[in-house]
Amino acid sequence: MKRAFILSLVLAGLAAAQEPPTFRAGVQVVVVPTVVTDDQGNYINGLQPQDFRLTDNGQPQRIQVDVTYVPISLVVAIQASSATESVLPKIQKIGSLLQGLVTGEQGEVAILAFDHRIQTLQDFTSDTDKIEEALKKLRAGSSSSRLTDAVVTSARMLNRRPPHRRRVLLLISETRDGGSEARVRDALTDLQFDNVSVYSVNINRAVTTLLAKPEPPPPDSIPFSARPMPAGVPSWPSSAEQVAPVVGKNAGNVIPAFTEIFRQAKAIFVANPVEVYTQFTGGKEHSFVSQRDLERAITGIGNELHSEYLITYVPSNKEEGGFHDIVVTVNRRDTKVRTRPGYWVASRQ
């Protein structure tokens, strides 16, 4: 009898392990960070709650608008792979900018590094010295770059922060992923439910490719003596190398719709997951080559975070499955509004 009971528990555990992960369908409070600018891109401050209107799938919502400063919890996830070795010394110098300009006096910062590993170099702290010491620990690692796994880890770190804090992820990396176990859909789900905004400072891949240490070429599977050569050209290794075809990948930058990502469309390919994360959460992409570019990007992100209006609401139509389109407008002319485009709700079975 006891053996049968134990066997039933084991079988139940195996069955549970084989079941697909359950998508979280409930939506309680939707957080909508919103940036309002004029035609020249200058931030418009001083707007009041009554100046805003928000619709969810076309339906007006009762909103709350926080026009005061909300303390920020920031995770900085940095690609520390062999490809970024040349730019890590620049990144190591931004500690004071993160605490001073981005999060402010009440803010806190955590530092994450990723290649084939996800390493927490510093948990959340408001101590600038600890932030700078963590950045000094950055070391180039393997050729892998688990970008999406780093986003998932960062979202879960931010999920543990107090709910009244503003949750922000700053990615300093290339825009491609290399070796993640999680899918883009997994990362988007966590970002959505944890109300995380994603900003990026993209590392220029052309620069890192030029400055990276060359990897030894793989052994040639075809002996040079067996390669067909033009008439009169001897079959030497150097001449065979010159006429050998160069095969490259045609990596198109086609970003699928968020709805298709959540529906797990077959053969889906996200060439630039960073663009998906920033656009889905209402953040913004920046890029850099020089130290000045990097510092300017960090400063710009800090200015934007401190100029945002934080809109929250409980959807009146949260039982509707599928993608919910969010539209925010203000009652002033010649303004531009940027915010998250929406969120996904799984259909209830």
Foldseek 3Di string as FASTA:
>chain_A
DVVVVVVVVVVVVVVVVPDDDDFDFDDFKFKKWKFKDFLVRHTDADDDPVQKWKDKQNHTFDKDKDRDDFAAEEEEEEEQALLCQVCLVLVLPCLCLCLPQAGHQRYWYWYWYDFPDIDTLGATDSDSVSSSVSSVPRHHHHNFAQPLVNLLVQLVSLLPDDPRHAAEYEYEEAQAHGDHPDDLLSSQSSCRRSLYAYEYAHEDSVVSVVPGDDDDDDDDPDDLCPDDDPPPDDSDPVRSVVPDDDDDDDQDQDADDPQCVNVVPPPDDHGGSSVVRNQQFQHYYHYDDDSVSVSVRSNVNSVRSSSIMMMMGTDPPSQDFTWIAMDMDGPDPRMDMTIRGTGGGHHDD
